[in-house]
C-alpha atoms as a PDB file:
ATOM      1  CA  MET A   1      73.204 201.059 -61.349  1.00  0.00           C
ATOM      2  CA  SER A   2      76.323 200.854 -59.183  1.00  0.00           C
ATOM      3  CA  GLU A   3      75.573 204.236 -57.578  1.00  0.00           C
ATOM      4  CA  LEU A   4      72.491 202.736 -55.904  1.00  0.00           C
ATOM      5  CA  VAL A   5      74.650 200.736 -53.479  1.00  0.00           C
ATOM      6  CA  PHE A   6      77.955 201.524 -51.795  1.00  0.00           C
ATOM      7  CA  LYS A   7      80.433 199.839 -49.489  1.00  0.00           C
ATOM      8  CA  GLY A   8      80.067 200.791 -45.821  1.00  0.00           C
ATOM      9  CA  ASN A   9      82.910 201.179 -43.350  1.00  0.00           C
ATOM     10  CA  ASN A  10      82.263 197.644 -42.114  1.00  0.00           C
ATOM     11  CA  ASN A  11      82.572 196.189 -45.640  1.00  0.00           C
ATOM     12  CA  GLN A  12      78.814 195.738 -45.974  1.00  0.00           C
ATOM     13  CA  ALA A  13      76.871 196.616 -49.097  1.00  0.00           C
ATOM     14  CA  LEU A  14      74.529 199.471 -48.144  1.00  0.00           C
ATOM     15  CA  THR A  15      72.059 201.916 -49.593  1.00  0.00           C
ATOM     16  CA  THR A  16      70.229 204.881 -48.047  1.00  0.00           C
ATOM     17  CA  SER A  17      66.701 206.148 -47.735  1.00  0.00           C
ATOM     18  CA  LEU A  18      67.732 209.096 -49.927  1.00  0.00           C
ATOM     19  CA  LEU A  19      68.810 206.797 -52.756  1.00  0.00           C
ATOM     20  CA  VAL A  20      65.632 204.738 -52.414  1.00  0.00           C
ATOM     21  CA  ALA A  21      63.496 207.871 -52.528  1.00  0.00           C
ATOM     22  CA  GLU A  22      65.309 209.101 -55.630  1.00  0.00           C
ATOM     23  CA  LYS A  23      65.151 205.752 -57.452  1.00  0.00           C
ATOM     24  CA  PHE A  24      61.501 205.031 -56.651  1.00  0.00           C
ATOM     25  CA  GLY A  25      60.355 208.605 -57.243  1.00  0.00           C
ATOM     26  CA  LYS A  26      59.139 209.139 -53.679  1.00  0.00           C
ATOM     27  CA  ARG A  27      59.428 212.012 -51.227  1.00  0.00           C
ATOM     28  CA  HIS A  28      62.205 211.331 -48.754  1.00  0.00           C
ATOM     29  CA  ASP A  29      60.007 212.101 -45.759  1.00  0.00           C
ATOM     30  CA  ASN A  30      57.582 209.428 -46.953  1.00  0.00           C
ATOM     31  CA  VAL A  31      60.384 206.865 -47.190  1.00  0.00           C
ATOM     32  CA  LEU A  32      61.467 207.782 -43.652  1.00  0.00           C
ATOM     33  CA  ARG A  33      57.876 207.271 -42.526  1.00  0.00           C
ATOM     34  CA  ASP A  34      57.763 203.887 -44.257  1.00  0.00           C
ATOM     35  CA  ILE A  35      60.976 202.757 -42.529  1.00  0.00           C
ATOM     36  CA  GLU A  36      59.831 203.901 -39.112  1.00  0.00           C
ATOM     37  CA  GLY A  37      56.475 202.195 -39.598  1.00  0.00           C
ATOM     38  CA  LEU A  38      57.883 198.790 -40.551  1.00  0.00           C
ATOM     39  CA  SER A  39      56.438 195.914 -38.544  1.00  0.00           C
ATOM     40  CA  CYS A  40      59.807 194.288 -37.890  1.00  0.00           C
ATOM     41  CA  SER A  41      61.460 193.234 -34.651  1.00  0.00           C
ATOM     42  CA  SER A  42      63.748 195.615 -32.785  1.00  0.00           C
ATOM     43  CA  SER A  43      66.701 193.274 -33.352  1.00  0.00           C
ATOM     44  CA  PHE A  44      66.091 193.210 -37.126  1.00  0.00           C
ATOM     45  CA  ARG A  45      65.777 196.996 -37.164  1.00  0.00           C
ATOM     46  CA  SER A  46      69.005 197.531 -35.209  1.00  0.00           C
ATOM     47  CA  LEU A  47      70.916 195.124 -37.474  1.00  0.00           C
ATOM     48  CA  ASN A  48      69.629 196.468 -40.790  1.00  0.00           C
ATOM     49  CA  PHE A  49      68.742 200.161 -40.361  1.00  0.00           C
ATOM     50  CA  GLU A  50      70.818 202.975 -38.901  1.00  0.00           C
ATOM     51  CA  GLU A  51      69.719 206.583 -38.681  1.00  0.00           C
ATOM     52  CA  THR A  52      72.479 208.968 -39.681  1.00  0.00           C
ATOM     53  CA  PRO A  53      72.715 212.702 -40.457  1.00  0.00           C
ATOM     54  CA  TYR A  54      73.572 214.200 -43.830  1.00  0.00           C
ATOM     55  CA  VAL A  55      74.125 217.722 -45.123  1.00  0.00           C
ATOM     56  CA  ASN A  56      71.951 218.922 -47.996  1.00  0.00           C
ATOM     57  CA  PRO A  57      74.367 220.371 -50.588  1.00  0.00           C
ATOM     58  CA  GLN A  58      71.767 222.873 -51.779  1.00  0.00           C
ATOM     59  CA  ASN A  59      71.053 224.678 -48.500  1.00  0.00           C
ATOM     60  CA  GLY A  60      73.792 223.414 -46.191  1.00  0.00           C
ATOM     61  CA  GLN A  61      71.216 222.197 -43.661  1.00  0.00           C
ATOM     62  CA  THR A  62      71.611 218.938 -41.750  1.00  0.00           C
ATOM     63  CA  TYR A  63      68.849 216.361 -42.080  1.00  0.00           C
ATOM     64  CA  ARG A  64      68.458 212.710 -41.202  1.00  0.00           C
ATOM     65  CA  MET A  65      68.365 209.600 -43.337  1.00  0.00           C
ATOM     66  CA  TYR A  66      68.707 205.848 -42.884  1.00  0.00           C
ATOM     67  CA  ALA A  67      71.508 203.627 -44.110  1.00  0.00           C
ATOM     68  CA  MET A  68      70.247 200.099 -44.711  1.00  0.00           C
ATOM     69  CA  THR A  69      71.514 196.659 -45.589  1.00  0.00           C
ATOM     70  CA  LYS A  70      70.239 194.454 -48.380  1.00  0.00           C
ATOM     71  CA  ASP A  71      67.883 192.719 -45.938  1.00  0.00           C
ATOM     72  CA  GLY A  72      66.606 196.055 -44.681  1.00  0.00           C
ATOM     73  CA  PHE A  73      66.036 197.309 -48.214  1.00  0.00           C
ATOM     74  CA  THR A  74      64.214 194.115 -49.161  1.00  0.00           C
ATOM     75  CA  PHE A  75      61.910 194.399 -46.148  1.00  0.00           C
ATOM     76  CA  LEU A  76      61.200 198.056 -46.920  1.00  0.00           C
ATOM     77  CA  VAL A  77      60.308 197.712 -50.592  1.00  0.00           C
ATOM     78  CA  MET A  78      58.061 194.678 -50.125  1.00  0.00           C
ATOM     79  CA  GLY A  79      55.181 197.138 -50.002  1.00  0.00           C
ATOM     80  CA  TYR A  80      56.214 199.062 -53.122  1.00  0.00           C
ATOM     81  CA  THR A  81      54.129 197.674 -55.977  1.00  0.00           C
ATOM     82  CA  GLY A  82      53.645 198.244 -59.672  1.00  0.00           C
ATOM     83  CA  GLU A  83      55.592 197.438 -62.818  1.00  0.00           C
ATOM     84  CA  THR A  84      58.008 200.346 -62.383  1.00  0.00           C
ATOM     85  CA  ALA A  85      58.648 199.476 -58.745  1.00  0.00           C
ATOM     86  CA  GLY A  86      59.317 195.882 -59.745  1.00  0.00           C
ATOM     87  CA  ARG A  87      61.960 196.993 -62.238  1.00  0.00           C
ATOM     88  CA  PHE A  88      63.609 199.230 -59.647  1.00  0.00           C
ATOM     89  CA  LYS A  89      63.695 196.333 -57.168  1.00  0.00           C
ATOM     90  CA  GLU A  90      65.547 194.246 -59.735  1.00  0.00           C
ATOM     91  CA  ASP A  91      68.021 197.081 -60.313  1.00  0.00           C
ATOM     92  CA  TYR A  92      68.684 197.296 -56.589  1.00  0.00           C
ATOM     93  CA  ILE A  93      69.078 193.556 -56.119  1.00  0.00           C
ATOM     94  CA  ASN A  94      71.584 193.439 -58.970  1.00  0.00           C
ATOM     95  CA  ALA A  95      73.450 196.408 -57.518  1.00  0.00           C
ATOM     96  CA  PHE A  96      73.612 194.778 -54.072  1.00  0.00           C
ATOM     97  CA  ASN A  97      74.827 191.503 -55.561  1.00  0.00           C
ATOM     98  CA  ASN A  98      77.497 193.268 -57.607  1.00  0.00           C
ATOM     99  CA  MET A  99      78.759 195.245 -54.615  1.00  0.00           C
ATOM    100  CA  GLU A 100      78.805 192.162 -52.382  1.00  0.00           C
ATOM    101  CA  GLU A 101      80.872 190.348 -55.001  1.00  0.00           C
ATOM    102  CA  ILE A 102      83.325 193.262 -55.218  1.00  0.00           C
ATOM    103  CA  ILE A 103      83.676 193.276 -51.431  1.00  0.00           C
ATOM    104  CA  ARG A 104      84.096 189.496 -51.339  1.00  0.00           C
ATOM    105  CA  ILE A 105      86.857 189.543 -53.942  1.00  0.00           C
ATOM    106  CA  ASN A 106      88.789 192.494 -52.553  1.00  0.00           C
ATOM    107  CA  ILE A 107      88.338 192.040 -48.796  1.00  0.00           C
ATOM    108  CA  PRO A 108      88.225 188.373 -47.760  1.00  0.00           C
ATOM    109  CA  GLN A 109      86.314 187.907 -44.512  1.00  0.00           C
ATOM    110  CA  GLU A 110      85.790 185.045 -42.124  1.00  0.00           C
ATOM    111  CA  THR A 111      82.605 183.107 -42.632  1.00  0.00           C
ATOM    112  CA  PRO A 112      80.340 182.616 -39.592  1.00  0.00           C
ATOM    113  CA  GLN A 113      81.619 179.024 -39.442  1.00  0.00           C
ATOM    114  CA  GLU A 114      85.270 180.167 -39.436  1.00  0.00           C
ATOM    115  CA  LEU A 115      84.473 182.792 -36.812  1.00  0.00           C
ATOM    116  CA  MET A 116      82.853 180.205 -34.534  1.00  0.00           C
ATOM    117  CA  ALA A 117      85.698 177.727 -35.095  1.00  0.00           C
ATOM    118  CA  ARG A 118      88.215 180.326 -33.939  1.00  0.00           C
ATOM    119  CA  ALA A 119      86.037 181.099 -30.924  1.00  0.00           C
ATOM    120  CA  LEU A 120      85.857 177.425 -29.963  1.00  0.00           C
ATOM    121  CA  ILE A 121      89.635 177.064 -30.253  1.00  0.00           C
ATOM    122  CA  MET A 122      90.119 180.033 -27.935  1.00  0.00           C
ATOM    123  CA  ALA A 123      87.531 178.622 -25.536  1.00  0.00           C
ATOM    124  CA  GLN A 124      89.304 175.271 -25.492  1.00  0.00           C
ATOM    125  CA  LYS A 125      92.624 176.944 -24.711  1.00  0.00           C
ATOM    126  CA  THR A 126      90.953 178.796 -21.855  1.00  0.00           C
ATOM    127  CA  LEU A 127      89.408 175.567 -20.628  1.00  0.00           C
ATOM    128  CA  ASP A 128      92.735 173.699 -20.801  1.00  0.00           C
ATOM    129  CA  GLY A 129      94.483 176.422 -18.814  1.00  0.00           C
ATOM    130  CA  LYS A 130      91.772 176.507 -16.166  1.00  0.00           C
ATOM    131  CA  SER A 131      91.777 172.700 -15.915  1.00  0.00           C
ATOM    132  CA  LYS A 132      95.467 172.772 -15.009  1.00  0.00           C
ATOM    133  CA  GLN A 133      94.756 175.425 -12.395  1.00  0.00           C
ATOM    134  CA  LEU A 134      91.971 173.253 -10.998  1.00  0.00           C
ATOM    135  CA  GLU A 135      94.301 170.267 -10.613  1.00  0.00           C
ATOM    136  CA  VAL A 136      96.623 172.327  -8.420  1.00  0.00           C
ATOM    137  CA  ALA A 137      93.782 173.983  -6.537  1.00  0.00           C
ATOM    138  CA  SER A 138      92.134 170.650  -5.728  1.00  0.00           C
ATOM    139  CA  LEU A 139      95.064 169.811  -3.413  1.00  0.00           C
ATOM    140  CA  LYS A 140      94.081 172.643  -1.092  1.00  0.00           C
ATOM    141  CA  ILE A 141      90.396 173.170  -1.892  1.00  0.00           C
ATOM    142  CA  LYS A 142      89.452 173.848   1.734  1.00  0.00           C
ATOM    143  CA  GLU A 143      91.773 176.833   1.895  1.00  0.00           C
ATOM    144  CA  ASP A 144      91.100 178.346  -1.495  1.00  0.00           C
ATOM    145  CA  ALA A 145      88.585 180.952  -2.685  1.00  0.00           C
ATOM    146  CA  PRO A 146      85.316 179.651  -4.252  1.00  0.00           C
ATOM    147  CA  LYS A 147      85.946 176.891  -6.778  1.00  0.00           C
ATOM    148  CA  VAL A 148      84.139 176.991 -10.108  1.00  0.00           C
ATOM    149  CA  ASP A 149      83.015 174.089 -12.224  1.00  0.00           C
ATOM    150  CA  PHE A 150      85.133 175.127 -15.209  1.00  0.00           C
ATOM    151  CA  PHE A 151      83.495 172.782 -17.671  1.00  0.00           C
ATOM    152  CA  GLU A 152      80.137 174.482 -17.145  1.00  0.00           C
ATOM    153  CA  THR A 153      81.729 177.935 -16.899  1.00  0.00           C
ATOM    154  CA  VAL A 154      83.368 177.967 -20.311  1.00  0.00           C
ATOM    155  CA  THR A 155      80.935 175.795 -22.198  1.00  0.00           C
ATOM    156  CA  ASN A 156      78.391 173.099 -21.718  1.00  0.00           C
ATOM    157  CA  SER A 157      78.254 172.233 -25.394  1.00  0.00           C
ATOM    158  CA  LYS A 158      80.694 171.832 -28.293  1.00  0.00           C
ATOM    159  CA  ASN A 159      79.080 174.678 -30.212  1.00  0.00           C
ATOM    160  CA  THR A 160      78.870 177.358 -27.526  1.00  0.00           C
ATOM    161  CA  VAL A 161      81.334 179.833 -26.013  1.00  0.00           C
ATOM    162  CA  ASP A 162      81.183 182.238 -23.096  1.00  0.00           C
ATOM    163  CA  MET A 163      80.820 186.000 -23.450  1.00  0.00           C
ATOM    164  CA  GLY A 164      84.466 186.691 -22.649  1.00  0.00           C
ATOM    165  CA  THR A 165      85.539 184.474 -25.535  1.00  0.00           C
ATOM    166  CA  VAL A 166      83.041 186.195 -27.832  1.00  0.00           C
ATOM    167  CA  ALA A 167      84.610 189.563 -27.010  1.00  0.00           C
ATOM    168  CA  LYS A 168      88.099 188.203 -27.705  1.00  0.00           C
ATOM    169  CA  VAL A 169      87.312 186.445 -30.944  1.00  0.00           C
ATOM    170  CA  LEU A 170      85.347 189.369 -32.395  1.00  0.00           C
ATOM    171  CA  ASN A 171      88.274 191.668 -31.618  1.00  0.00           C
ATOM    172  CA  MET A 172      86.148 194.757 -32.266  1.00  0.00           C
ATOM    173  CA  GLY A 173      87.394 196.943 -29.412  1.00  0.00           C
ATOM    174  CA  ILE A 174      84.769 195.807 -26.898  1.00  0.00           C
ATOM    175  CA  GLY A 175      85.839 193.832 -23.842  1.00  0.00           C
ATOM    176  CA  ARG A 176      83.694 191.350 -21.931  1.00  0.00           C
ATOM    177  CA  ASN A 177      82.129 193.855 -19.505  1.00  0.00           C
ATOM    178  CA  ASN A 178      81.528 196.440 -22.216  1.00  0.00           C
ATOM    179  CA  LEU A 179      80.005 193.728 -24.397  1.00  0.00           C
ATOM    180  CA  PHE A 180      77.517 192.892 -21.647  1.00  0.00           C
ATOM    181  CA  GLU A 181      76.719 196.612 -21.312  1.00  0.00           C
ATOM    182  CA  PHE A 182      76.335 196.993 -25.090  1.00  0.00           C
ATOM    183  CA  LEU A 183      73.895 194.070 -25.257  1.00  0.00           C
ATOM    184  CA  ARG A 184      71.901 195.423 -22.324  1.00  0.00           C
ATOM    185  CA  GLU A 185      71.655 198.849 -23.967  1.00  0.00           C
ATOM    186  CA  ASN A 186      70.403 197.245 -27.178  1.00  0.00           C
ATOM    187  CA  LYS A 187      67.751 195.252 -25.290  1.00  0.00           C
ATOM    188  CA  ILE A 188      69.350 191.882 -26.043  1.00  0.00           C
ATOM    189  CA  LEU A 189      70.149 191.127 -22.402  1.00  0.00           C
ATOM    190  CA  MET A 190      68.206 192.014 -19.284  1.00  0.00           C
ATOM    191  CA  GLY A 191      69.745 193.847 -16.348  1.00  0.00           C
ATOM    192  CA  ASN A 192      71.028 190.588 -14.856  1.00  0.00           C
ATOM    193  CA  ASN A 193      72.809 189.714 -18.149  1.00  0.00           C
ATOM    194  CA  ILE A 194      70.279 186.999 -18.963  1.00  0.00           C
ATOM    195  CA  PRO A 195      68.954 187.170 -22.557  1.00  0.00           C
ATOM    196  CA  PHE A 196      65.381 188.077 -23.303  1.00  0.00           C
ATOM    197  CA  GLN A 197      63.459 184.908 -24.106  1.00  0.00           C
ATOM    198  CA  LYS A 198      63.030 185.711 -27.788  1.00  0.00           C
ATOM    199  CA  TYR A 199      66.816 185.639 -28.324  1.00  0.00           C
ATOM    200  CA  ILE A 200      67.038 182.295 -26.568  1.00  0.00           C
ATOM    201  CA  ASP A 201      64.209 181.013 -28.769  1.00  0.00           C
ATOM    202  CA  SER A 202      66.038 182.416 -31.819  1.00  0.00           C
ATOM    203  CA  GLY A 203      69.067 180.248 -31.073  1.00  0.00           C
ATOM    204  CA  TRP A 204      71.467 183.032 -30.065  1.00  0.00           C
ATOM    205  CA  PHE A 205      72.015 182.034 -26.445  1.00  0.00           C
ATOM    206  CA  ARG A 206      71.707 179.279 -23.894  1.00  0.00           C
ATOM    207  CA  ILE A 207      71.447 179.597 -20.120  1.00  0.00           C
ATOM    208  CA  ILE A 208      73.431 177.162 -17.960  1.00  0.00           C
ATOM    209  CA  GLU A 209      73.872 176.675 -14.233  1.00  0.00           C
ATOM    210  CA  VAL A 210      77.322 177.371 -12.786  1.00  0.00           C
ATOM    211  CA  LYS A 211      78.082 175.795  -9.411  1.00  0.00           C
ATOM    212  CA  PHE A 212      80.698 177.095  -6.983  1.00  0.00           C
ATOM    213  CA  VAL A 213      81.644 176.412  -3.388  1.00  0.00           C
ATOM    214  CA  LYS A 214      82.116 179.185  -0.847  1.00  0.00           C
ATOM    215  CA  PRO A 215      84.963 179.003   1.685  1.00  0.00           C
ATOM    216  CA  ASN A 216      82.440 177.938   4.340  1.00  0.00           C
ATOM    217  CA  GLY A 217      81.431 174.943   2.224  1.00  0.00           C
ATOM    218  CA  ASP A 218      78.097 176.298   0.963  1.00  0.00           C
ATOM    219  CA  VAL A 219      77.290 175.268  -2.596  1.00  0.00           C
ATOM    220  CA  CYS A 220      75.852 178.086  -4.726  1.00  0.00           C
ATOM    221  CA  ILE A 221      74.415 178.150  -8.226  1.00  0.00           C
ATOM    222  CA  ASN A 222      74.528 181.090 -10.647  1.00  0.00           C
ATOM    223  CA  MET A 223      72.920 181.376 -14.081  1.00  0.00           C
ATOM    224  CA  LYS A 224      75.348 182.003 -16.942  1.00  0.00           C
ATOM    225  CA  THR A 225      74.760 183.133 -20.528  1.00  0.00           C
ATOM    226  CA  ILE A 226      76.664 181.265 -23.239  1.00  0.00           C
ATOM    227  CA  VAL A 227      76.553 181.967 -26.958  1.00  0.00           C
ATOM    228  CA  TYR A 228      75.835 179.788 -29.984  1.00  0.00           C
ATOM    229  CA  GLN A 229      77.424 180.283 -33.418  1.00  0.00           C
ATOM    230  CA  LYS A 230      74.295 182.099 -34.593  1.00  0.00           C
ATOM    231  CA  GLY A 231      74.560 184.456 -31.630  1.00  0.00           C
ATOM    232  CA  VAL A 232      78.253 185.233 -32.257  1.00  0.00           C
ATOM    233  CA  GLU A 233      77.477 186.234 -35.831  1.00  0.00           C
ATOM    234  CA  ALA A 234      74.425 188.269 -34.767  1.00  0.00           C
ATOM    235  CA  ILE A 235      76.481 190.146 -32.148  1.00  0.00           C
ATOM    236  CA  ARG A 236      79.185 190.859 -34.731  1.00  0.00           C
ATOM    237  CA  ARG A 237      76.607 192.284 -37.127  1.00  0.00           C
ATOM    238  CA  LEU A 238      74.983 194.372 -34.416  1.00  0.00           C
ATOM    239  CA  ILE A 239      78.302 195.899 -33.316  1.00  0.00           C
ATOM    240  CA  THR A 240      79.247 196.521 -36.936  1.00  0.00           C
ATOM    241  CA  SER A 241      75.957 198.249 -37.669  1.00  0.00           C
ATOM    242  CA  LYS A 242      76.417 200.577 -34.695  1.00  0.00           C
ATOM    243  CA  LYS A 243      79.901 201.550 -35.880  1.00  0.00           C
ATOM    244  CA  THR A 244      78.852 202.340 -39.447  1.00  0.00           C
END
């Protein structure tokens, strides 16, 4: 049963469309069709399915398959019915659970709560440093470059952080600007770096107003994207899935 599931490069328990086809006695092209026809959201698909090539050992030809997470597998096999299919689902669930336990024991990882706590600590340090800068700058505000309301810039809530802090705390080789680009490419953010409404509704992001004063005294307002704990974890999973 253990060969049904394996550990991915990102320490996730994974299976493949090939293994599903073999276990459930289906043609692989039909399993590919089933995956591509799933009525799931694009964000769920990107987090739980990844198309990847493989080489057939019999003819040396390169074909495509999908690697999938436990959630992706569960969504896929919902439509597979019958007594035999039910038994195979149980085998897979047990295999996923066993692999996840092996990964948990051998490679301790931060929980989403620990990840967010570290992000908030980093955000607070950033805020403290900028507050000291603001105290000095306030003595010559008329001469300085535009002044930013740092409280609103870094966070407007105890459970949110800005995108720069997300990039730092994830520490996955993607800086702030590249993180914005990555999220735009994956249709999470629009071209102006504002999230699509469905990700705001899902509790990933919040939009706040950031005020600043130009040297000529004009007050301007920009819209800024900040990230909730749920969003930090979702971004981490999305980046991880793309690196697998």
